[in-house]
Amino acid sequence: MLTADGQSEYQFILTPDISDIDNHTGGENGNLLKITGSAFGSKKENVSVSAGGLDCEIQEISNTEITCKVSPGSTDTPTAQGQFLKGQGA
């Protein structure tokens, strides 16, 4: 793609990859999940996570790790599903 001034512009799209999910049971306060992988990005607003059908509120995020809190009331061991907006986690 060329910009208006004739310069080349490149867009890189990263595909997130989950390598591990660690469940930390939190009881009445909810469960913490630690999701490890790559290409998650670092902006909370571009990523959403759900576990066991419940939203998982992102506490911390980096390109290789997401820690989120599942709402209280889930008694099942959560499995995470992620959504990365704009084609990437960044």
C-alpha atoms as a PDB file:
ATOM      1  CA  MET A   1       0.000   0.000   0.000  1.00  0.00           C
ATOM      2  CA  LEU A   2       1.270   3.472  -0.840  1.00  0.00           C
ATOM      3  CA  THR A   3       0.537   6.569   1.223  1.00  0.00           C
ATOM      4  CA  ALA A   4      -0.411   9.965  -0.265  1.00  0.00           C
ATOM      5  CA  ASP A   5       3.224  11.038  -0.312  1.00  0.00           C
ATOM      6  CA  GLY A   6       4.308   7.882  -2.179  1.00  0.00           C
ATOM      7  CA  GLN A   7       5.815   6.126   0.833  1.00  0.00           C
ATOM      8  CA  SER A   8       5.220   2.430   1.350  1.00  0.00           C
ATOM      9  CA  GLU A   9       3.097   1.477   4.347  1.00  0.00           C
ATOM     10  CA  TYR A  10       2.997  -2.001   5.828  1.00  0.00           C
ATOM     11  CA  GLN A  11       0.423  -3.589   8.079  1.00  0.00           C
ATOM     12  CA  PHE A  12       1.299  -6.640  10.137  1.00  0.00           C
ATOM     13  CA  ILE A  13      -1.430  -8.844  11.542  1.00  0.00           C
ATOM     14  CA  LEU A  14      -0.426 -11.201  14.335  1.00  0.00           C
ATOM     15  CA  THR A  15      -2.317 -14.395  15.063  1.00  0.00           C
ATOM     16  CA  PRO A  16      -2.654 -14.956  18.822  1.00  0.00           C
ATOM     17  CA  ASP A  17      -1.691 -18.416  20.086  1.00  0.00           C
ATOM     18  CA  ILE A  18      -2.668 -19.869  23.490  1.00  0.00           C
ATOM     19  CA  SER A  19      -0.130 -22.322  24.921  1.00  0.00           C
ATOM     20  CA  ASP A  20      -1.443 -22.752  28.490  1.00  0.00           C
ATOM     21  CA  ILE A  21      -4.347 -21.840  30.776  1.00  0.00           C
ATOM     22  CA  ASP A  22      -3.772 -21.935  34.524  1.00  0.00           C
ATOM     23  CA  ASN A  23      -6.870 -21.816  36.751  1.00  0.00           C
ATOM     24  CA  HIS A  24      -6.454 -20.159  40.144  1.00  0.00           C
ATOM     25  CA  THR A  25      -9.622 -20.767  42.167  1.00  0.00           C
ATOM     26  CA  GLY A  26     -10.765 -17.669  44.003  1.00  0.00           C
ATOM     27  CA  GLY A  27     -13.969 -18.932  45.671  1.00  0.00           C
ATOM     28  CA  GLU A  28     -16.551 -16.272  46.450  1.00  0.00           C
ATOM     29  CA  ASN A  29     -14.458 -13.568  44.809  1.00  0.00           C
ATOM     30  CA  GLY A  30     -14.284 -15.381  41.464  1.00  0.00           C
ATOM     31  CA  ASN A  31     -11.589 -17.367  39.710  1.00  0.00           C
ATOM     32  CA  LEU A  32      -8.374 -15.968  38.283  1.00  0.00           C
ATOM     33  CA  LEU A  33      -7.157 -17.357  34.990  1.00  0.00           C
ATOM     34  CA  LYS A  34      -3.623 -16.959  33.710  1.00  0.00           C
ATOM     35  CA  ILE A  35      -3.474 -17.438  29.935  1.00  0.00           C
ATOM     36  CA  THR A  36      -0.013 -17.847  28.427  1.00  0.00           C
ATOM     37  CA  GLY A  37       0.864 -17.677  24.751  1.00  0.00           C
ATOM     38  CA  SER A  38       1.981 -15.170  22.156  1.00  0.00           C
ATOM     39  CA  ALA A  39       0.765 -12.221  20.078  1.00  0.00           C
ATOM     40  CA  PHE A  40      -1.896 -11.095  22.589  1.00  0.00           C
ATOM     41  CA  GLY A  41      -0.988  -7.437  22.315  1.00  0.00           C
ATOM     42  CA  SER A  42      -1.098  -5.108  25.295  1.00  0.00           C
ATOM     43  CA  LYS A  43      -4.332  -3.111  24.983  1.00  0.00           C
ATOM     44  CA  LYS A  44      -7.241  -4.331  27.130  1.00  0.00           C
ATOM     45  CA  GLU A  45      -9.753  -2.623  24.866  1.00  0.00           C
ATOM     46  CA  ASN A  46      -8.762  -4.851  21.931  1.00  0.00           C
ATOM     47  CA  VAL A  47      -9.161  -8.165  23.782  1.00  0.00           C
ATOM     48  CA  SER A  48     -12.068  -9.929  25.475  1.00  0.00           C
ATOM     49  CA  VAL A  49     -12.032 -13.262  27.298  1.00  0.00           C
ATOM     50  CA  SER A  50     -14.875 -15.510  28.430  1.00  0.00           C
ATOM     51  CA  ALA A  51     -14.664 -18.658  30.516  1.00  0.00           C
ATOM     52  CA  GLY A  52     -17.416 -21.172  31.158  1.00  0.00           C
ATOM     53  CA  GLY A  53     -19.856 -18.816  29.439  1.00  0.00           C
ATOM     54  CA  LEU A  54     -18.995 -15.962  31.819  1.00  0.00           C
ATOM     55  CA  ASP A  55     -17.059 -12.797  31.073  1.00  0.00           C
ATOM     56  CA  CYS A  56     -13.501 -12.843  32.357  1.00  0.00           C
ATOM     57  CA  GLU A  57     -12.450  -9.303  33.358  1.00  0.00           C
ATOM     58  CA  ILE A  58      -8.887  -8.652  32.237  1.00  0.00           C
ATOM     59  CA  GLN A  59      -6.700  -7.682  35.207  1.00  0.00           C
ATOM     60  CA  GLU A  60      -3.329  -7.599  33.411  1.00  0.00           C
ATOM     61  CA  ILE A  61      -2.272  -8.081  29.809  1.00  0.00           C
ATOM     62  CA  SER A  62       0.996  -8.319  27.923  1.00  0.00           C
ATOM     63  CA  ASN A  63       1.971  -9.745  24.556  1.00  0.00           C
ATOM     64  CA  THR A  64       2.567 -13.165  26.158  1.00  0.00           C
ATOM     65  CA  GLU A  65       0.223 -13.319  29.163  1.00  0.00           C
ATOM     66  CA  ILE A  66      -3.335 -12.409  30.167  1.00  0.00           C
ATOM     67  CA  THR A  67      -4.625 -12.589  33.736  1.00  0.00           C
ATOM     68  CA  CYS A  68      -8.377 -12.246  34.072  1.00  0.00           C
ATOM     69  CA  LYS A  69     -11.027 -12.694  36.756  1.00  0.00           C
ATOM     70  CA  VAL A  70     -14.092 -14.845  36.115  1.00  0.00           C
ATOM     71  CA  SER A  71     -17.257 -13.614  37.798  1.00  0.00           C
ATOM     72  CA  PRO A  72     -18.180 -15.322  41.080  1.00  0.00           C
ATOM     73  CA  GLY A  73     -20.695 -18.123  40.831  1.00  0.00           C
ATOM     74  CA  SER A  74     -18.945 -20.341  38.344  1.00  0.00           C
ATOM     75  CA  THR A  75     -18.417 -23.770  39.862  1.00  0.00           C
ATOM     76  CA  ASP A  76     -17.050 -25.407  36.725  1.00  0.00           C
ATOM     77  CA  THR A  77     -13.387 -25.364  35.861  1.00  0.00           C
ATOM     78  CA  PRO A  78     -13.291 -22.521  33.337  1.00  0.00           C
ATOM     79  CA  THR A  79     -12.029 -22.901  29.802  1.00  0.00           C
ATOM     80  CA  ALA A  80     -11.050 -19.668  28.126  1.00  0.00           C
ATOM     81  CA  GLN A  81     -12.096 -18.311  24.777  1.00  0.00           C
ATOM     82  CA  GLY A  82     -10.533 -15.112  23.521  1.00  0.00           C
ATOM     83  CA  GLN A  83     -11.541 -12.511  21.000  1.00  0.00           C
ATOM     84  CA  PHE A  84      -8.919 -10.314  19.459  1.00  0.00           C
ATOM     85  CA  LEU A  85     -10.325  -7.265  17.712  1.00  0.00           C
ATOM     86  CA  LYS A  86      -8.949  -5.524  14.638  1.00  0.00           C
ATOM     87  CA  GLY A  87      -7.357  -8.788  13.489  1.00  0.00           C
ATOM     88  CA  GLN A  88      -4.834  -8.818  16.280  1.00  0.00           C
ATOM     89  CA  GLY A  89      -4.406  -8.528  20.001  1.00  0.00           C
ATOM     90  CA  ALA A  90      -2.382  -5.331  19.800  1.00  0.00           C
END
